[in-house]
Structures are given as C-alpha cells and as structure tokens.
Amino acid sequence: MSRFKIPAPYFSVPPQEYEPSYFSDLVRNFAGFVHIVSNPGEERGTRMTLTNLPENDSGLEAGALFQQSGVVYITRLDISRPAGAAGTGSVGSVTVTTT
C-alpha cells in the first residue's frame, strides 16, 4: 500500500457547448492522472504474498520479479537468466576396438 494516498483527479461532466476553460481543466486533470499512474511512489510492508511468479525474465521489464528454483530475483537489463540452457556437441570421432 502506498505511503501517501493521492486522490484521483476529478473529471466533470462536459458542457453542452465548447468552453475553453473546461478543455483546459480536462487537460490539466488528465496530466495529473498520468503523473499519478506513472509515479506510484514507495511501498512499505511487513508481509507479502507473491503468487504465480514467472520462472524466467523473458519479456519482463527492469525491476520485475521472477523466481527460479524457489529463489526470487529482480530483473536487470544487464543480466540474463534464461528458462534453461543446455547444449550438446561433438568434436571428431572415436573408434573403439577390442581384442
């Protein structure tokens, strides 16, 4: 829960005819709404339950949480944690003879 509660902006009922002052208020309130949504503020809590976390960071934004083998990680753009990595290869051939 956010530490400070900021009320949502008020969008009044539009007038029947165009009024520049109404349009100015609408633009100002919408800009305030965008500011609130894009700046959520700090969070503080004593208990948290996270369910259904992704198992890798594929497609997540920086700062998103995911888990691998029961460990929770924070997505960073400079570190990749793919879902799994495996590979096989061969070099040359081997001949086995028995006598």
PDB file of N, CA and C in Angstrom:
ATOM      1  N   MET A   1       0.840  -1.174   0.000  1.00  0.00           N
ATOM      2  CA  MET A   1       0.000   0.000   0.000  1.00  0.00           C
ATOM      3  C   MET A   1       0.885   1.238   0.000  1.00  0.00           C
ATOM      4  N   SER A   2       0.477   2.204  -0.773  1.00  0.00           N
ATOM      5  CA  SER A   2       1.267   3.432  -0.885  1.00  0.00           C
ATOM      6  C   SER A   2       1.279   4.188   0.434  1.00  0.00           C
ATOM      7  N   ARG A   3       2.391   4.840   0.703  1.00  0.00           N
ATOM      8  CA  ARG A   3       2.537   5.589   1.948  1.00  0.00           C
ATOM      9  C   ARG A   3       1.643   6.825   1.975  1.00  0.00           C
ATOM     10  N   PHE A   4       1.483   7.473   0.852  1.00  0.00           N
ATOM     11  CA  PHE A   4       0.643   8.658   0.755  1.00  0.00           C
ATOM     12  C   PHE A   4      -0.492   8.376  -0.214  1.00  0.00           C
ATOM     13  N   LYS A   5      -1.692   8.691   0.195  1.00  0.00           N
ATOM     14  CA  LYS A   5      -2.840   8.491  -0.691  1.00  0.00           C
ATOM     15  C   LYS A   5      -3.083   9.770  -1.480  1.00  0.00           C
ATOM     16  N   ILE A   6      -3.075   9.645  -2.786  1.00  0.00           N
ATOM     17  CA  ILE A   6      -3.324  10.783  -3.663  1.00  0.00           C
ATOM     18  C   ILE A   6      -4.667  10.540  -4.338  1.00  0.00           C
ATOM     19  N   PRO A   7      -5.603  11.453  -4.172  1.00  0.00           N
ATOM     20  CA  PRO A   7      -6.921  11.227  -4.787  1.00  0.00           C
ATOM     21  C   PRO A   7      -6.838  11.294  -6.307  1.00  0.00           C
ATOM     22  N   ALA A   8      -7.673  10.501  -6.944  1.00  0.00           N
ATOM     23  CA  ALA A   8      -7.747  10.529  -8.408  1.00  0.00           C
ATOM     24  C   ALA A   8      -8.306  11.877  -8.845  1.00  0.00           C
ATOM     25  N   PRO A   9      -7.875  12.367 -10.005  1.00  0.00           N
ATOM     26  CA  PRO A   9      -8.387  13.660 -10.473  1.00  0.00           C
ATOM     27  C   PRO A   9      -9.877  13.587 -10.778  1.00  0.00           C
ATOM     28  N   TYR A  10     -10.517  14.719 -10.669  1.00  0.00           N
ATOM     29  CA  TYR A  10     -11.951  14.808 -10.920  1.00  0.00           C
ATOM     30  C   TYR A  10     -12.193  15.210 -12.374  1.00  0.00           C
ATOM     31  N   PHE A  11     -12.977  14.415 -13.070  1.00  0.00           N
ATOM     32  CA  PHE A  11     -13.354  14.731 -14.450  1.00  0.00           C
ATOM     33  C   PHE A  11     -14.834  15.085 -14.439  1.00  0.00           C
ATOM     34  N   SER A  12     -15.143  16.358 -14.586  1.00  0.00           N
ATOM     35  CA  SER A  12     -16.531  16.818 -14.514  1.00  0.00           C
ATOM     36  C   SER A  12     -17.293  16.510 -15.804  1.00  0.00           C
ATOM     37  N   VAL A  13     -18.598  16.674 -15.717  1.00  0.00           N
ATOM     38  CA  VAL A  13     -19.475  16.456 -16.870  1.00  0.00           C
ATOM     39  C   VAL A  13     -19.242  17.589 -17.868  1.00  0.00           C
ATOM     40  N   PRO A  14     -19.050  17.262 -19.142  1.00  0.00           N
ATOM     41  CA  PRO A  14     -18.770  18.319 -20.121  1.00  0.00           C
ATOM     42  C   PRO A  14     -19.985  19.210 -20.368  1.00  0.00           C
ATOM     43  N   PRO A  15     -19.731  20.467 -20.692  1.00  0.00           N
ATOM     44  CA  PRO A  15     -20.839  21.377 -21.005  1.00  0.00           C
ATOM     45  C   PRO A  15     -21.443  21.026 -22.373  1.00  0.00           C
ATOM     46  N   GLN A  16     -22.615  21.559 -22.633  1.00  0.00           N
ATOM     47  CA  GLN A  16     -23.289  21.303 -23.903  1.00  0.00           C
ATOM     48  C   GLN A  16     -22.518  21.890 -25.087  1.00  0.00           C
ATOM     49  N   GLU A  17     -21.913  23.054 -24.880  1.00  0.00           N
ATOM     50  CA  GLU A  17     -21.148  23.697 -25.941  1.00  0.00           C
ATOM     51  C   GLU A  17     -19.692  23.811 -25.520  1.00  0.00           C
ATOM     52  N   TYR A  18     -18.815  23.955 -26.491  1.00  0.00           N
ATOM     53  CA  TYR A  18     -17.381  24.043 -26.219  1.00  0.00           C
ATOM     54  C   TYR A  18     -17.052  25.248 -25.353  1.00  0.00           C
ATOM     55  N   GLU A  19     -16.273  24.987 -24.287  1.00  0.00           N
ATOM     56  CA  GLU A  19     -15.785  26.065 -23.428  1.00  0.00           C
ATOM     57  C   GLU A  19     -14.283  25.860 -23.244  1.00  0.00           C
ATOM     58  N   PRO A  20     -13.464  26.847 -23.612  1.00  0.00           N
ATOM     59  CA  PRO A  20     -12.014  26.702 -23.469  1.00  0.00           C
ATOM     60  C   PRO A  20     -11.576  26.389 -22.042  1.00  0.00           C
ATOM     61  N   SER A  21     -12.241  26.975 -21.046  1.00  0.00           N
ATOM     62  CA  SER A  21     -11.834  26.720 -19.657  1.00  0.00           C
ATOM     63  C   SER A  21     -12.071  25.257 -19.271  1.00  0.00           C
ATOM     64  N   TYR A  22     -13.181  24.682 -19.759  1.00  0.00           N
ATOM     65  CA  TYR A  22     -13.440  23.266 -19.467  1.00  0.00           C
ATOM     66  C   TYR A  22     -12.343  22.400 -20.093  1.00  0.00           C
ATOM     67  N   PHE A  23     -11.993  22.695 -21.333  1.00  0.00           N
ATOM     68  CA  PHE A  23     -10.961  21.918 -22.012  1.00  0.00           C
ATOM     69  C   PHE A  23      -9.618  22.050 -21.292  1.00  0.00           C
ATOM     70  N   SER A  24      -9.272  23.242 -20.803  1.00  0.00           N
ATOM     71  CA  SER A  24      -8.034  23.440 -20.036  1.00  0.00           C
ATOM     72  C   SER A  24      -8.037  22.611 -18.769  1.00  0.00           C
ATOM     73  N   ASP A  25      -9.152  22.630 -18.044  1.00  0.00           N
ATOM     74  CA  ASP A  25      -9.259  21.828 -16.823  1.00  0.00           C
ATOM     75  C   ASP A  25      -9.138  20.334 -17.134  1.00  0.00           C
ATOM     76  N   LEU A  26      -9.752  19.909 -18.212  1.00  0.00           N
ATOM     77  CA  LEU A  26      -9.698  18.498 -18.602  1.00  0.00           C
ATOM     78  C   LEU A  26      -8.259  18.073 -18.900  1.00  0.00           C
ATOM     79  N   VAL A  27      -7.538  18.887 -19.654  1.00  0.00           N
ATOM     80  CA  VAL A  27      -6.141  18.575 -19.984  1.00  0.00           C
ATOM     81  C   VAL A  27      -5.291  18.565 -18.715  1.00  0.00           C
ATOM     82  N   ARG A  28      -5.477  19.520 -17.826  1.00  0.00           N
ATOM     83  CA  ARG A  28      -4.702  19.592 -16.577  1.00  0.00           C
ATOM     84  C   ARG A  28      -4.995  18.366 -15.697  1.00  0.00           C
ATOM     85  N   ASN A  29      -6.271  17.996 -15.572  1.00  0.00           N
ATOM     86  CA  ASN A  29      -6.626  16.829 -14.758  1.00  0.00           C
ATOM     87  C   ASN A  29      -6.088  15.538 -15.366  1.00  0.00           C
ATOM     88  N   PHE A  30      -6.126  15.435 -16.679  1.00  0.00           N
ATOM     89  CA  PHE A  30      -5.596  14.238 -17.314  1.00  0.00           C
ATOM     90  C   PHE A  30      -4.085  14.156 -17.135  1.00  0.00           C
ATOM     91  N   ALA A  31      -3.381  15.280 -17.233  1.00  0.00           N
ATOM     92  CA  ALA A  31      -1.930  15.296 -17.000  1.00  0.00           C
ATOM     93  C   ALA A  31      -1.630  14.871 -15.565  1.00  0.00           C
ATOM     94  N   GLY A  32      -2.442  15.312 -14.608  1.00  0.00           N
ATOM     95  CA  GLY A  32      -2.275  14.887 -13.219  1.00  0.00           C
ATOM     96  C   GLY A  32      -2.494  13.395 -13.059  1.00  0.00           C
ATOM     97  N   PHE A  33      -3.498  12.857 -13.749  1.00  0.00           N
ATOM     98  CA  PHE A  33      -3.773  11.420 -13.706  1.00  0.00           C
ATOM     99  C   PHE A  33      -2.594  10.620 -14.260  1.00  0.00           C
ATOM    100  N   VAL A  34      -2.047  11.044 -15.388  1.00  0.00           N
ATOM    101  CA  VAL A  34      -0.885  10.362 -15.983  1.00  0.00           C
ATOM    102  C   VAL A  34       0.292  10.412 -15.024  1.00  0.00           C
ATOM    103  N   HIS A  35       0.498  11.527 -14.352  1.00  0.00           N
ATOM    104  CA  HIS A  35       1.592  11.652 -13.377  1.00  0.00           C
ATOM    105  C   HIS A  35       1.412  10.662 -12.225  1.00  0.00           C
ATOM    106  N   ILE A  36       0.204  10.540 -11.706  1.00  0.00           N
ATOM    107  CA  ILE A  36      -0.066   9.615 -10.604  1.00  0.00           C
ATOM    108  C   ILE A  36       0.181   8.175 -11.032  1.00  0.00           C
ATOM    109  N   VAL A  37      -0.297   7.814 -12.200  1.00  0.00           N
ATOM    110  CA  VAL A  37      -0.163   6.435 -12.671  1.00  0.00           C
ATOM    111  C   VAL A  37       1.287   6.075 -12.967  1.00  0.00           C
ATOM    112  N   SER A  38       2.064   6.996 -13.492  1.00  0.00           N
ATOM    113  CA  SER A  38       3.441   6.679 -13.863  1.00  0.00           C
ATOM    114  C   SER A  38       4.434   6.886 -12.725  1.00  0.00           C
ATOM    115  N   ASN A  39       4.022   7.412 -11.599  1.00  0.00           N
ATOM    116  CA  ASN A  39       4.886   7.605 -10.429  1.00  0.00           C
ATOM    117  C   ASN A  39       4.182   7.037  -9.199  1.00  0.00           C
ATOM    118  N   PRO A  40       4.200   5.705  -9.037  1.00  0.00           N
ATOM    119  CA  PRO A  40       3.406   5.098  -7.979  1.00  0.00           C
ATOM    120  C   PRO A  40       3.904   5.372  -6.564  1.00  0.00           C
ATOM    121  N   GLY A  41       5.165   5.761  -6.383  1.00  0.00           N
ATOM    122  CA  GLY A  41       5.659   6.053  -5.039  1.00  0.00           C
ATOM    123  C   GLY A  41       6.247   4.831  -4.369  1.00  0.00           C
ATOM    124  N   GLU A  42       6.712   5.014  -3.145  1.00  0.00           N
ATOM    125  CA  GLU A  42       7.365   3.918  -2.441  1.00  0.00           C
ATOM    126  C   GLU A  42       6.335   3.029  -1.761  1.00  0.00           C
ATOM    127  N   GLU A  43       6.736   1.804  -1.516  1.00  0.00           N
ATOM    128  CA  GLU A  43       5.893   0.830  -0.829  1.00  0.00           C
ATOM    129  C   GLU A  43       6.608   0.366   0.424  1.00  0.00           C
ATOM    130  N   ARG A  44       5.851   0.028   1.433  1.00  0.00           N
ATOM    131  CA  ARG A  44       6.415  -0.482   2.674  1.00  0.00           C
ATOM    132  C   ARG A  44       5.417  -1.474   3.247  1.00  0.00           C
ATOM    133  N   GLY A  45       5.917  -2.594   3.731  1.00  0.00           N
ATOM    134  CA  GLY A  45       5.023  -3.580   4.306  1.00  0.00           C
ATOM    135  C   GLY A  45       5.781  -4.575   5.164  1.00  0.00           C
ATOM    136  N   THR A  46       5.046  -5.338   5.948  1.00  0.00           N
ATOM    137  CA  THR A  46       5.677  -6.333   6.803  1.00  0.00           C
ATOM    138  C   THR A  46       5.456  -7.750   6.307  1.00  0.00           C
ATOM    139  N   ARG A  47       4.429  -7.972   5.497  1.00  0.00           N
ATOM    140  CA  ARG A  47       4.171  -9.297   4.929  1.00  0.00           C
ATOM    141  C   ARG A  47       3.728  -9.127   3.489  1.00  0.00           C
ATOM    142  N   MET A  48       4.143 -10.077   2.659  1.00  0.00           N
ATOM    143  CA  MET A  48       3.769 -10.024   1.250  1.00  0.00           C
ATOM    144  C   MET A  48       3.655 -11.448   0.722  1.00  0.00           C
ATOM    145  N   THR A  49       2.654 -11.696  -0.083  1.00  0.00           N
ATOM    146  CA  THR A  49       2.494 -12.985  -0.727  1.00  0.00           C
ATOM    147  C   THR A  49       2.493 -12.758  -2.227  1.00  0.00           C
ATOM    148  N   LEU A  50       3.412 -13.403  -2.921  1.00  0.00           N
ATOM    149  CA  LEU A  50       3.500 -13.302  -4.377  1.00  0.00           C
ATOM    150  C   LEU A  50       3.157 -14.671  -4.953  1.00  0.00           C
ATOM    151  N   THR A  51       2.169 -14.711  -5.810  1.00  0.00           N
ATOM    152  CA  THR A  51       1.755 -15.976  -6.398  1.00  0.00           C
ATOM    153  C   THR A  51       1.959 -15.946  -7.907  1.00  0.00           C
ATOM    154  N   ASN A  52       2.206 -17.102  -8.458  1.00  0.00           N
ATOM    155  CA  ASN A  52       2.290 -17.273  -9.905  1.00  0.00           C
ATOM    156  C   ASN A  52       3.364 -16.386 -10.543  1.00  0.00           C
ATOM    157  N   LEU A  53       4.525 -16.277  -9.903  1.00  0.00           N
ATOM    158  CA  LEU A  53       5.622 -15.504 -10.484  1.00  0.00           C
ATOM    159  C   LEU A  53       6.170 -16.229 -11.707  1.00  0.00           C
ATOM    160  N   PRO A  54       6.614 -15.510 -12.735  1.00  0.00           N
ATOM    161  CA  PRO A  54       7.231 -16.159 -13.889  1.00  0.00           C
ATOM    162  C   PRO A  54       8.503 -16.885 -13.470  1.00  0.00           C
ATOM    163  N   GLU A  55       8.891 -17.895 -14.253  1.00  0.00           N
ATOM    164  CA  GLU A  55      10.075 -18.693 -13.929  1.00  0.00           C
ATOM    165  C   GLU A  55      11.338 -18.211 -14.630  1.00  0.00           C
ATOM    166  N   ASN A  56      11.233 -17.149 -15.417  1.00  0.00           N
ATOM    167  CA  ASN A  56      12.415 -16.545 -16.030  1.00  0.00           C
ATOM    168  C   ASN A  56      12.103 -15.091 -16.342  1.00  0.00           C
ATOM    169  N   ASP A  57      13.126 -14.373 -16.793  1.00  0.00           N
ATOM    170  CA  ASP A  57      12.940 -12.938 -17.025  1.00  0.00           C
ATOM    171  C   ASP A  57      12.601 -12.588 -18.465  1.00  0.00           C
ATOM    172  N   SER A  58      12.254 -13.576 -19.251  1.00  0.00           N
ATOM    173  CA  SER A  58      11.935 -13.339 -20.660  1.00  0.00           C
ATOM    174  C   SER A  58      10.721 -12.422 -20.796  1.00  0.00           C
ATOM    175  N   GLY A  59      10.906 -11.279 -21.440  1.00  0.00           N
ATOM    176  CA  GLY A  59       9.821 -10.344 -21.694  1.00  0.00           C
ATOM    177  C   GLY A  59       9.470  -9.437 -20.536  1.00  0.00           C
ATOM    178  N   LEU A  60      10.178  -9.537 -19.409  1.00  0.00           N
ATOM    179  CA  LEU A  60       9.869  -8.691 -18.262  1.00  0.00           C
ATOM    180  C   LEU A  60      10.634  -7.370 -18.337  1.00  0.00           C
ATOM    181  N   GLU A  61      10.065  -6.331 -17.762  1.00  0.00           N
ATOM    182  CA  GLU A  61      10.748  -5.039 -17.695  1.00  0.00           C
ATOM    183  C   GLU A  61      11.736  -5.039 -16.539  1.00  0.00           C
ATOM    184  N   ALA A  62      12.668  -4.117 -16.561  1.00  0.00           N
ATOM    185  CA  ALA A  62      13.645  -3.992 -15.475  1.00  0.00           C
ATOM    186  C   ALA A  62      12.905  -3.729 -14.165  1.00  0.00           C
ATOM    187  N   GLY A  63      13.303  -4.450 -13.124  1.00  0.00           N
ATOM    188  CA  GLY A  63      12.682  -4.291 -11.813  1.00  0.00           C
ATOM    189  C   GLY A  63      11.573  -5.274 -11.522  1.00  0.00           C
ATOM    190  N   ALA A  64      11.117  -6.027 -12.519  1.00  0.00           N
ATOM    191  CA  ALA A  64      10.060  -7.018 -12.301  1.00  0.00           C
ATOM    192  C   ALA A  64      10.626  -8.221 -11.553  1.00  0.00           C
ATOM    193  N   LEU A  65       9.777  -8.911 -10.807  1.00  0.00           N
ATOM    194  CA  LEU A  65      10.196 -10.079 -10.046  1.00  0.00           C
ATOM    195  C   LEU A  65       9.897 -11.363 -10.804  1.00  0.00           C
ATOM    196  N   PHE A  66      10.773 -12.366 -10.632  1.00  0.00           N
ATOM    197  CA  PHE A  66      10.542 -13.714 -11.147  1.00  0.00           C
ATOM    198  C   PHE A  66      11.251 -14.672 -10.216  1.00  0.00           C
ATOM    199  N   GLN A  67      10.945 -15.972 -10.331  1.00  0.00           N
ATOM    200  CA  GLN A  67      11.567 -16.952  -9.458  1.00  0.00           C
ATOM    201  C   GLN A  67      12.138 -18.106 -10.260  1.00  0.00           C
ATOM    202  N   GLN A  68      13.245 -18.633  -9.765  1.00  0.00           N
ATOM    203  CA  GLN A  68      13.849 -19.837 -10.325  1.00  0.00           C
ATOM    204  C   GLN A  68      14.245 -20.734  -9.167  1.00  0.00           C
ATOM    205  N   SER A  69      13.721 -21.951  -9.158  1.00  0.00           N
ATOM    206  CA  SER A  69      14.016 -22.933  -8.109  1.00  0.00           C
ATOM    207  C   SER A  69      13.758 -22.381  -6.714  1.00  0.00           C
ATOM    208  N   GLY A  70      12.682 -21.637  -6.553  1.00  0.00           N
ATOM    209  CA  GLY A  70      12.304 -21.124  -5.244  1.00  0.00           C
ATOM    210  C   GLY A  70      13.041 -19.879  -4.795  1.00  0.00           C
ATOM    211  N   VAL A  71      13.900 -19.319  -5.641  1.00  0.00           N
ATOM    212  CA  VAL A  71      14.622 -18.096  -5.305  1.00  0.00           C
ATOM    213  C   VAL A  71      14.035 -16.949  -6.122  1.00  0.00           C
ATOM    214  N   VAL A  72      13.693 -15.844  -5.456  1.00  0.00           N
ATOM    215  CA  VAL A  72      13.100 -14.691  -6.137  1.00  0.00           C
ATOM    216  C   VAL A  72      14.219 -13.766  -6.608  1.00  0.00           C
ATOM    217  N   TYR A  73      14.150 -13.374  -7.880  1.00  0.00           N
ATOM    218  CA  TYR A  73      15.135 -12.477  -8.478  1.00  0.00           C
ATOM    219  C   TYR A  73      14.441 -11.220  -8.977  1.00  0.00           C
ATOM    220  N   ILE A  74      15.217 -10.163  -9.132  1.00  0.00           N
ATOM    221  CA  ILE A  74      14.742  -8.913  -9.725  1.00  0.00           C
ATOM    222  C   ILE A  74      15.357  -8.807 -11.109  1.00  0.00           C
ATOM    223  N   THR A  75      14.526  -8.560 -12.113  1.00  0.00           N
ATOM    224  CA  THR A  75      15.002  -8.456 -13.481  1.00  0.00           C
ATOM    225  C   THR A  75      15.934  -7.264 -13.637  1.00  0.00           C
ATOM    226  N   ARG A  76      17.100  -7.529 -14.218  1.00  0.00           N
ATOM    227  CA  ARG A  76      18.056  -6.473 -14.567  1.00  0.00           C
ATOM    228  C   ARG A  76      18.347  -6.602 -16.042  1.00  0.00           C
ATOM    229  N   LEU A  77      18.539  -5.471 -16.696  1.00  0.00           N
ATOM    230  CA  LEU A  77      18.762  -5.498 -18.134  1.00  0.00           C
ATOM    231  C   LEU A  77      20.154  -6.005 -18.498  1.00  0.00           C
ATOM    232  N   ASP A  78      21.096  -5.979 -17.557  1.00  0.00           N
ATOM    233  CA  ASP A  78      22.455  -6.407 -17.864  1.00  0.00           C
ATOM    234  C   ASP A  78      22.741  -7.857 -17.469  1.00  0.00           C
ATOM    235  N   ILE A  79      21.750  -8.562 -16.915  1.00  0.00           N
ATOM    236  CA  ILE A  79      21.922  -9.966 -16.537  1.00  0.00           C
ATOM    237  C   ILE A  79      20.769 -10.774 -17.120  1.00  0.00           C
ATOM    238  N   SER A  80      21.079 -11.846 -17.825  1.00  0.00           N
ATOM    239  CA  SER A  80      20.055 -12.704 -18.397  1.00  0.00           C
ATOM    240  C   SER A  80      19.951 -13.983 -17.580  1.00  0.00           C
ATOM    241  N   ARG A  81      18.748 -14.386 -17.277  1.00  0.00           N
ATOM    242  CA  ARG A  81      18.508 -15.641 -16.580  1.00  0.00           C
ATOM    243  C   ARG A  81      17.484 -16.424 -17.392  1.00  0.00           C
ATOM    244  N   PRO A  82      17.956 -17.128 -18.445  1.00  0.00           N
ATOM    245  CA  PRO A  82      17.031 -17.854 -19.313  1.00  0.00           C
ATOM    246  C   PRO A  82      16.356 -19.005 -18.581  1.00  0.00           C
ATOM    247  N   ALA A  83      15.261 -19.479 -19.163  1.00  0.00           N
ATOM    248  CA  ALA A  83      14.491 -20.565 -18.550  1.00  0.00           C
ATOM    249  C   ALA A  83      15.332 -21.818 -18.405  1.00  0.00           C
ATOM    250  N   GLY A  84      16.188 -22.078 -19.324  1.00  0.00           N
ATOM    251  CA  GLY A  84      17.041 -23.255 -19.257  1.00  0.00           C
ATOM    252  C   GLY A  84      18.113 -23.149 -20.311  1.00  0.00           C
ATOM    253  N   ALA A  85      19.229 -23.720 -20.040  1.00  0.00           N
ATOM    254  CA  ALA A  85      20.306 -23.693 -21.011  1.00  0.00           C
ATOM    255  C   ALA A  85      20.910 -25.078 -21.075  1.00  0.00           C
ATOM    256  N   ALA A  86      20.947 -25.626 -22.244  1.00  0.00           N
ATOM    257  CA  ALA A  86      21.538 -26.946 -22.433  1.00  0.00           C
ATOM    258  C   ALA A  86      22.152 -26.978 -23.817  1.00  0.00           C
ATOM    259  N   GLY A  87      23.123 -27.831 -23.976  1.00  0.00           N
ATOM    260  CA  GLY A  87      23.740 -27.937 -25.286  1.00  0.00           C
ATOM    261  C   GLY A  87      24.456 -29.265 -25.437  1.00  0.00           C
ATOM    262  N   THR A  88      24.595 -29.696 -26.655  1.00  0.00           N
ATOM    263  CA  THR A  88      25.361 -30.894 -26.965  1.00  0.00           C
ATOM    264  C   THR A  88      26.270 -30.574 -28.122  1.00  0.00           C
ATOM    265  N   GLY A  89      27.298 -31.304 -28.258  1.00  0.00           N
ATOM    266  CA  GLY A  89      28.214 -31.080 -29.365  1.00  0.00           C
ATOM    267  C   GLY A  89      29.147 -32.266 -29.530  1.00  0.00           C
ATOM    268  N   SER A  90      29.872 -32.239 -30.592  1.00  0.00           N
ATOM    269  CA  SER A  90      30.841 -33.309 -30.814  1.00  0.00           C
ATOM    270  C   SER A  90      32.027 -32.744 -31.563  1.00  0.00           C
ATOM    271  N   VAL A  91      33.158 -33.375 -31.317  1.00  0.00           N
ATOM    272  CA  VAL A  91      34.389 -32.982 -31.998  1.00  0.00           C
ATOM    273  C   VAL A  91      35.040 -34.279 -32.486  1.00  0.00           C
ATOM    274  N   GLY A  92      35.186 -34.409 -33.785  1.00  0.00           N
ATOM    275  CA  GLY A  92      35.848 -35.601 -34.337  1.00  0.00           C
ATOM    276  C   GLY A  92      35.063 -36.871 -34.111  1.00  0.00           C
ATOM    277  N   SER A  93      35.756 -38.007 -34.142  1.00  0.00           N
ATOM    278  CA  SER A  93      35.121 -39.292 -33.921  1.00  0.00           C
ATOM    279  C   SER A  93      36.070 -40.187 -33.122  1.00  0.00           C
ATOM    280  N   VAL A  94      35.485 -41.186 -32.511  1.00  0.00           N
ATOM    281  CA  VAL A  94      36.262 -42.114 -31.692  1.00  0.00           C
ATOM    282  C   VAL A  94      35.999 -43.536 -32.210  1.00  0.00           C
ATOM    283  N   THR A  95      37.066 -44.286 -32.381  1.00  0.00           N
ATOM    284  CA  THR A  95      36.924 -45.676 -32.783  1.00  0.00           C
ATOM    285  C   THR A  95      37.392 -46.554 -31.621  1.00  0.00           C
ATOM    286  N   VAL A  96      36.588 -47.492 -31.241  1.00  0.00           N
ATOM    287  CA  VAL A  96      36.924 -48.404 -30.155  1.00  0.00           C
ATOM    288  C   VAL A  96      37.079 -49.804 -30.749  1.00  0.00           C
ATOM    289  N   THR A  97      38.220 -50.396 -30.505  1.00  0.00           N
ATOM    290  CA  THR A  97      38.445 -51.779 -30.967  1.00  0.00           C
ATOM    291  C   THR A  97      38.756 -52.649 -29.754  1.00  0.00           C
ATOM    292  N   THR A  98      38.285 -53.840 -29.781  1.00  0.00           N
ATOM    293  CA  THR A  98      38.565 -54.770 -28.701  1.00  0.00           C
ATOM    294  C   THR A  98      39.334 -55.948 -29.267  1.00  0.00           C
ATOM    295  N   THR A  99      40.217 -56.483 -28.501  1.00  0.00           N
ATOM    296  CA  THR A  99      40.988 -57.629 -28.956  1.00  0.00           C
ATOM    297  C   THR A  99      40.834 -58.793 -28.052  1.00  0.00           C
TER     298      THR A  99
END
